[in-house]
């Protein structure tokens, strides 16, 4: 798979998340997906996303940086949102916050099989 092809798949995945088009999620996420070392599978991945969107109704993924090195994608995602209550153990309670997530994805057969994610919690703490 070329760098351009993998980048397109990733951007389509992000569009799927932003549209909350959950029936299409299986086109992008492998049945045996692992997130930060924990096997969650496609169903657990979907549950995680649904929980995130429930906790943060205005959640929107904004790709700020994208590096493609098949079978990996590295991405910096920006967020400008208002979590309803607690987020990452912090009492955000509807306050608008800005933060980023640095994430690396491993793809197999054009699907995400592994994700390593780090959210800039310190940026949120500084705003509260």
N, C-alpha and C. Protein backbone atom coordinates (compact mmCIF):
# COMPACT_ATOMS: atom_id res chain seq x y z
N UNK A 1 0.85 -1.18 0.00
CA UNK A 1 0.00 0.00 0.00
C UNK A 1 0.90 1.24 0.00
N UNK A 2 0.57 2.20 -0.84
CA UNK A 2 1.37 3.42 -0.93
C UNK A 2 1.05 4.37 0.22
N UNK A 3 1.94 5.34 0.42
CA UNK A 3 1.72 6.36 1.45
C UNK A 3 0.43 7.13 1.18
N UNK A 4 0.21 7.47 -0.08
CA UNK A 4 -0.99 8.23 -0.46
C UNK A 4 -2.25 7.41 -0.21
N UNK A 5 -2.20 6.12 -0.55
CA UNK A 5 -3.36 5.25 -0.33
C UNK A 5 -3.69 5.15 1.15
N UNK A 6 -2.65 4.95 1.98
CA UNK A 6 -2.88 4.82 3.41
C UNK A 6 -3.39 6.13 4.01
N UNK A 7 -2.86 7.24 3.55
CA UNK A 7 -3.34 8.55 4.02
C UNK A 7 -4.81 8.75 3.67
N UNK A 8 -5.21 8.34 2.48
CA UNK A 8 -6.62 8.46 2.06
C UNK A 8 -7.51 7.60 2.94
N UNK A 9 -7.10 6.38 3.20
CA UNK A 9 -7.88 5.49 4.08
C UNK A 9 -8.03 6.14 5.46
N UNK A 10 -6.94 6.69 5.98
CA UNK A 10 -6.99 7.32 7.30
C UNK A 10 -7.93 8.53 7.31
N UNK A 11 -7.84 9.37 6.30
CA UNK A 11 -8.72 10.54 6.26
C UNK A 11 -10.19 10.12 6.11
N UNK A 12 -10.44 9.04 5.38
CA UNK A 12 -11.80 8.50 5.29
C UNK A 12 -12.27 7.97 6.65
N UNK A 13 -11.37 7.37 7.39
CA UNK A 13 -11.67 6.90 8.75
C UNK A 13 -12.05 8.08 9.65
N UNK A 14 -11.28 9.14 9.60
CA UNK A 14 -11.57 10.34 10.41
C UNK A 14 -12.92 10.92 10.00
N UNK A 15 -13.22 10.95 8.72
CA UNK A 15 -14.53 11.44 8.26
C UNK A 15 -15.64 10.56 8.81
N UNK A 16 -15.42 9.26 8.85
CA UNK A 16 -16.39 8.32 9.41
C UNK A 16 -16.66 8.66 10.88
N UNK A 17 -15.60 8.93 11.64
CA UNK A 17 -15.76 9.28 13.06
C UNK A 17 -16.54 10.58 13.20
N UNK A 18 -16.16 11.59 12.43
CA UNK A 18 -16.83 12.89 12.56
C UNK A 18 -18.29 12.86 12.15
N UNK A 19 -18.64 11.94 11.24
CA UNK A 19 -20.04 11.77 10.84
C UNK A 19 -20.79 10.83 11.78
N UNK A 20 -20.03 10.17 12.66
CA UNK A 20 -20.60 9.14 13.55
C UNK A 20 -21.30 8.06 12.72
N UNK A 21 -20.66 7.69 11.64
CA UNK A 21 -21.20 6.70 10.72
C UNK A 21 -20.76 5.30 11.17
N UNK A 22 -21.30 4.88 12.31
CA UNK A 22 -20.85 3.64 12.95
C UNK A 22 -21.00 2.39 12.08
N UNK A 23 -22.01 2.28 11.21
CA UNK A 23 -22.07 1.09 10.35
C UNK A 23 -20.84 0.93 9.44
N UNK A 24 -20.15 2.02 9.13
CA UNK A 24 -18.97 1.95 8.27
C UNK A 24 -17.67 1.72 9.05
N UNK A 25 -17.72 1.76 10.37
CA UNK A 25 -16.50 1.67 11.16
C UNK A 25 -15.72 0.39 10.86
N UNK A 26 -16.42 -0.71 10.60
CA UNK A 26 -15.77 -1.98 10.30
C UNK A 26 -14.96 -1.96 9.02
N UNK A 27 -15.17 -0.96 8.17
CA UNK A 27 -14.35 -0.81 6.97
C UNK A 27 -12.94 -0.34 7.31
N UNK A 28 -12.79 0.25 8.52
CA UNK A 28 -11.53 0.87 8.90
C UNK A 28 -10.85 0.21 10.09
N UNK A 29 -11.61 -0.49 10.93
CA UNK A 29 -11.06 -1.06 12.16
C UNK A 29 -11.14 -2.58 12.09
N UNK A 30 -10.02 -3.22 12.38
CA UNK A 30 -9.90 -4.67 12.34
C UNK A 30 -10.70 -5.30 13.49
N UNK A 31 -11.21 -6.49 13.26
CA UNK A 31 -11.99 -7.22 14.29
C UNK A 31 -11.18 -7.48 15.56
N UNK A 32 -9.85 -7.52 15.45
CA UNK A 32 -9.00 -7.82 16.59
C UNK A 32 -8.19 -6.59 17.03
N UNK A 33 -8.75 -5.41 16.88
CA UNK A 33 -8.03 -4.17 17.18
C UNK A 33 -7.55 -4.12 18.63
N UNK A 34 -6.38 -3.50 18.77
CA UNK A 34 -5.76 -3.28 20.08
C UNK A 34 -5.61 -1.78 20.27
N UNK A 35 -6.00 -1.28 21.44
CA UNK A 35 -5.88 0.14 21.76
C UNK A 35 -5.04 0.30 23.01
N UNK A 36 -3.90 0.96 22.90
CA UNK A 36 -2.97 1.17 24.01
C UNK A 36 -2.69 -0.13 24.78
N UNK A 37 -2.41 -1.18 24.02
CA UNK A 37 -2.02 -2.46 24.61
C UNK A 37 -3.15 -3.35 25.06
N UNK A 38 -4.38 -2.89 24.93
CA UNK A 38 -5.54 -3.68 25.36
C UNK A 38 -6.35 -4.11 24.16
N UNK A 39 -6.56 -5.43 24.04
CA UNK A 39 -7.36 -5.95 22.93
C UNK A 39 -8.82 -5.55 23.16
N UNK A 40 -9.36 -4.75 22.25
CA UNK A 40 -10.74 -4.28 22.37
C UNK A 40 -11.62 -4.82 21.25
N UNK A 41 -11.00 -5.19 20.14
CA UNK A 41 -11.77 -5.65 18.99
C UNK A 41 -12.60 -4.51 18.40
N UNK A 42 -13.28 -4.81 17.33
CA UNK A 42 -14.13 -3.80 16.69
C UNK A 42 -15.25 -3.36 17.61
N UNK A 43 -15.87 -4.30 18.33
CA UNK A 43 -17.01 -3.95 19.19
C UNK A 43 -16.56 -3.05 20.34
N UNK A 44 -15.42 -3.35 20.94
CA UNK A 44 -14.91 -2.51 22.03
C UNK A 44 -14.46 -1.15 21.53
N UNK A 45 -13.93 -1.10 20.33
CA UNK A 45 -13.51 0.16 19.72
C UNK A 45 -14.74 1.04 19.50
N UNK A 46 -15.80 0.44 18.99
CA UNK A 46 -17.04 1.18 18.79
C UNK A 46 -17.61 1.67 20.12
N UNK A 47 -17.61 0.83 21.14
CA UNK A 47 -18.10 1.24 22.47
C UNK A 47 -17.29 2.42 22.99
N UNK A 48 -15.97 2.39 22.80
CA UNK A 48 -15.11 3.48 23.25
C UNK A 48 -15.49 4.78 22.54
N UNK A 49 -15.70 4.71 21.24
CA UNK A 49 -16.07 5.91 20.48
C UNK A 49 -17.45 6.43 20.88
N UNK A 50 -18.41 5.53 21.04
CA UNK A 50 -19.75 5.95 21.45
C UNK A 50 -19.71 6.62 22.81
N UNK A 51 -18.91 6.10 23.71
CA UNK A 51 -18.77 6.69 25.05
C UNK A 51 -18.14 8.09 24.93
N UNK A 52 -17.11 8.20 24.09
CA UNK A 52 -16.46 9.50 23.89
C UNK A 52 -17.45 10.54 23.36
N UNK A 53 -18.24 10.14 22.37
CA UNK A 53 -19.20 11.08 21.79
C UNK A 53 -20.36 11.39 22.74
N UNK A 54 -20.68 10.45 23.61
CA UNK A 54 -21.70 10.71 24.63
C UNK A 54 -21.18 11.69 25.67
N UNK A 55 -19.93 11.50 26.08
CA UNK A 55 -19.31 12.39 27.07
C UNK A 55 -18.99 13.77 26.50
N UNK A 56 -18.74 13.81 25.18
CA UNK A 56 -18.36 15.06 24.51
C UNK A 56 -19.22 15.22 23.27
N UNK A 57 -20.43 15.74 23.41
CA UNK A 57 -21.37 15.81 22.27
C UNK A 57 -20.85 16.58 21.05
N UNK A 58 -19.97 17.55 21.26
CA UNK A 58 -19.45 18.34 20.13
C UNK A 58 -18.06 17.86 19.69
N UNK A 59 -17.73 16.63 19.99
CA UNK A 59 -16.43 16.07 19.64
C UNK A 59 -16.24 16.08 18.12
N UNK A 60 -15.10 16.58 17.70
CA UNK A 60 -14.75 16.62 16.27
C UNK A 60 -13.24 16.42 16.15
N UNK A 61 -12.85 15.49 15.30
CA UNK A 61 -11.44 15.16 15.09
C UNK A 61 -10.88 16.05 13.98
N UNK A 62 -9.87 16.85 14.31
CA UNK A 62 -9.25 17.77 13.36
C UNK A 62 -7.79 17.35 13.17
N UNK A 63 -7.49 16.73 12.05
CA UNK A 63 -6.13 16.27 11.79
C UNK A 63 -5.23 17.47 11.53
N UNK A 64 -4.25 17.67 12.42
CA UNK A 64 -3.32 18.78 12.27
C UNK A 64 -2.02 18.36 11.59
N UNK A 65 -1.64 17.10 11.78
CA UNK A 65 -0.41 16.59 11.21
C UNK A 65 -0.62 15.12 10.87
N UNK A 66 -0.16 14.72 9.71
CA UNK A 66 -0.34 13.34 9.28
C UNK A 66 0.93 12.87 8.58
N UNK A 67 1.50 11.78 9.08
CA UNK A 67 2.68 11.17 8.47
C UNK A 67 2.34 9.73 8.14
N UNK A 68 2.55 9.38 6.90
CA UNK A 68 2.25 8.03 6.45
C UNK A 68 3.55 7.30 6.14
N UNK A 69 3.73 6.16 6.78
CA UNK A 69 4.88 5.29 6.55
C UNK A 69 4.36 3.86 6.65
N UNK A 70 3.70 3.38 5.58
CA UNK A 70 3.02 2.09 5.63
C UNK A 70 3.87 0.98 6.26
N UNK A 71 3.27 0.22 7.16
CA UNK A 71 1.84 0.15 7.48
C UNK A 71 1.41 1.07 8.63
N UNK A 72 2.16 2.15 8.88
CA UNK A 72 1.86 3.03 10.00
C UNK A 72 1.40 4.41 9.55
N UNK A 73 0.56 4.99 10.40
CA UNK A 73 0.16 6.40 10.29
C UNK A 73 0.47 7.04 11.64
N UNK A 74 1.09 8.20 11.61
CA UNK A 74 1.26 9.01 12.82
C UNK A 74 0.45 10.28 12.60
N UNK A 75 -0.31 10.65 13.62
CA UNK A 75 -1.21 11.79 13.46
C UNK A 75 -1.28 12.61 14.75
N UNK A 76 -1.36 13.91 14.58
CA UNK A 76 -1.64 14.82 15.69
C UNK A 76 -3.03 15.36 15.42
N UNK A 77 -3.93 15.11 16.36
CA UNK A 77 -5.33 15.49 16.20
C UNK A 77 -5.65 16.58 17.20
N UNK A 78 -6.27 17.64 16.73
CA UNK A 78 -6.67 18.75 17.59
C UNK A 78 -8.14 18.67 17.95
N UNK A 79 -8.44 19.08 19.18
CA UNK A 79 -9.82 19.08 19.66
C UNK A 79 -10.14 20.43 20.29
N UNK A 80 -11.31 20.93 20.00
CA UNK A 80 -11.88 22.15 20.58
C UNK A 80 -13.31 21.74 20.95
N UNK A 81 -13.54 21.43 22.23
CA UNK A 81 -14.81 20.80 22.59
C UNK A 81 -15.20 21.11 24.03
N UNK A 82 -16.39 20.65 24.40
CA UNK A 82 -16.94 20.91 25.73
C UNK A 82 -17.44 19.61 26.36
N UNK A 83 -16.54 18.85 27.00
CA UNK A 83 -16.99 17.63 27.69
C UNK A 83 -18.04 17.96 28.74
N UNK A 84 -19.03 17.07 28.87
CA UNK A 84 -20.17 17.33 29.76
C UNK A 84 -19.80 17.31 31.24
N UNK A 85 -19.03 16.36 31.64
CA UNK A 85 -18.71 16.20 33.07
C UNK A 85 -17.24 15.96 33.25
N UNK A 86 -16.91 14.77 33.77
CA UNK A 86 -15.50 14.40 33.94
C UNK A 86 -14.94 13.92 32.62
N UNK A 87 -13.68 14.30 32.38
CA UNK A 87 -12.96 13.85 31.20
C UNK A 87 -11.52 13.60 31.63
N UNK A 88 -11.05 12.39 31.42
CA UNK A 88 -9.72 11.98 31.85
C UNK A 88 -9.53 12.21 33.34
N UNK A 89 -10.60 12.04 34.10
CA UNK A 89 -10.55 12.23 35.54
C UNK A 89 -10.60 13.68 35.98
N UNK A 90 -10.77 14.59 35.05
CA UNK A 90 -10.81 16.02 35.35
C UNK A 90 -12.25 16.51 35.31
N UNK A 91 -12.62 17.38 36.24
CA UNK A 91 -13.96 17.96 36.26
C UNK A 91 -14.04 19.12 35.26
N UNK A 92 -14.35 18.78 34.03
CA UNK A 92 -14.44 19.79 32.98
C UNK A 92 -15.83 20.44 33.02
N UNK A 93 -16.87 19.63 33.18
CA UNK A 93 -18.24 20.11 33.41
C UNK A 93 -18.72 21.16 32.41
N UNK A 94 -18.56 20.88 31.12
CA UNK A 94 -19.10 21.77 30.10
C UNK A 94 -18.23 22.94 29.73
N UNK A 95 -17.04 23.05 30.33
CA UNK A 95 -16.13 24.14 29.96
C UNK A 95 -15.48 23.80 28.62
N UNK A 96 -15.34 24.78 27.78
CA UNK A 96 -14.69 24.58 26.48
C UNK A 96 -13.19 24.42 26.70
N UNK A 97 -12.63 23.35 26.13
CA UNK A 97 -11.20 23.09 26.26
C UNK A 97 -10.59 22.78 24.90
N UNK A 98 -9.31 23.06 24.80
CA UNK A 98 -8.53 22.79 23.60
C UNK A 98 -7.41 21.84 24.00
N UNK A 99 -7.21 20.78 23.23
CA UNK A 99 -6.12 19.84 23.51
C UNK A 99 -5.80 19.05 22.26
N UNK A 100 -4.72 18.30 22.33
CA UNK A 100 -4.32 17.47 21.20
C UNK A 100 -4.13 16.03 21.64
N UNK A 101 -4.15 15.17 20.64
CA UNK A 101 -3.86 13.76 20.83
C UNK A 101 -2.79 13.38 19.80
N UNK A 102 -1.74 12.72 20.27
CA UNK A 102 -0.73 12.17 19.37
C UNK A 102 -0.99 10.68 19.30
N UNK A 103 -1.14 10.19 18.08
CA UNK A 103 -1.55 8.80 17.93
C UNK A 103 -0.83 8.14 16.76
N UNK A 104 -0.48 6.89 16.96
CA UNK A 104 0.14 6.08 15.91
C UNK A 104 -0.78 4.88 15.68
N UNK A 105 -1.05 4.62 14.41
CA UNK A 105 -1.91 3.51 14.02
C UNK A 105 -1.09 2.52 13.21
N UNK A 106 -1.32 1.24 13.44
CA UNK A 106 -0.76 0.20 12.58
C UNK A 106 -1.91 -0.40 11.79
N UNK A 107 -1.73 -0.50 10.48
CA UNK A 107 -2.75 -1.05 9.60
C UNK A 107 -2.35 -2.44 9.12
N UNK A 108 -3.34 -3.30 8.98
CA UNK A 108 -3.19 -4.61 8.35
C UNK A 108 -4.40 -4.81 7.46
N UNK A 109 -4.16 -5.18 6.22
CA UNK A 109 -5.25 -5.37 5.25
C UNK A 109 -6.14 -4.12 5.18
N UNK A 110 -5.50 -2.95 5.19
CA UNK A 110 -6.17 -1.66 5.06
C UNK A 110 -7.09 -1.32 6.23
N UNK A 111 -6.88 -2.00 7.38
CA UNK A 111 -7.68 -1.72 8.58
C UNK A 111 -6.76 -1.47 9.77
N UNK A 112 -7.25 -0.66 10.70
CA UNK A 112 -6.50 -0.36 11.91
C UNK A 112 -6.48 -1.61 12.78
N UNK A 113 -5.26 -2.08 13.08
CA UNK A 113 -5.13 -3.26 13.92
C UNK A 113 -4.57 -2.90 15.30
N UNK A 114 -3.83 -1.78 15.37
CA UNK A 114 -3.27 -1.36 16.65
C UNK A 114 -3.18 0.16 16.72
N UNK A 115 -3.45 0.69 17.91
CA UNK A 115 -3.44 2.14 18.13
C UNK A 115 -2.66 2.43 19.41
N UNK A 116 -1.74 3.40 19.31
CA UNK A 116 -1.04 3.91 20.49
C UNK A 116 -1.42 5.39 20.59
N UNK A 117 -2.06 5.78 21.67
CA UNK A 117 -2.63 7.12 21.79
C UNK A 117 -2.17 7.79 23.08
N UNK A 118 -1.83 9.09 22.97
CA UNK A 118 -1.48 9.90 24.14
C UNK A 118 -2.18 11.25 24.01
N UNK A 119 -3.03 11.54 24.98
CA UNK A 119 -3.77 12.82 24.99
C UNK A 119 -3.03 13.79 25.90
N UNK A 120 -2.95 15.05 25.49
CA UNK A 120 -2.26 16.08 26.26
C UNK A 120 -3.16 16.55 27.41
N UNK A 121 -3.17 15.76 28.47
CA UNK A 121 -4.00 16.05 29.64
C UNK A 121 -3.54 17.34 30.33
N UNK A 122 -2.24 17.61 30.31
CA UNK A 122 -1.72 18.82 30.95
C UNK A 122 -2.31 20.08 30.32
N UNK A 123 -2.56 20.06 29.02
CA UNK A 123 -3.17 21.21 28.35
C UNK A 123 -4.58 21.47 28.88
N UNK A 124 -5.31 20.40 29.16
CA UNK A 124 -6.67 20.54 29.71
C UNK A 124 -6.59 21.05 31.14
N UNK A 125 -5.69 20.49 31.94
CA UNK A 125 -5.53 20.92 33.34
C UNK A 125 -5.21 22.40 33.42
N UNK A 126 -4.40 22.89 32.51
CA UNK A 126 -4.00 24.30 32.51
C UNK A 126 -5.18 25.23 32.22
N UNK A 127 -6.22 24.71 31.59
CA UNK A 127 -7.38 25.53 31.22
C UNK A 127 -8.48 25.51 32.29
N UNK A 128 -8.35 24.62 33.26
CA UNK A 128 -9.41 24.49 34.28
C UNK A 128 -9.13 25.35 35.49
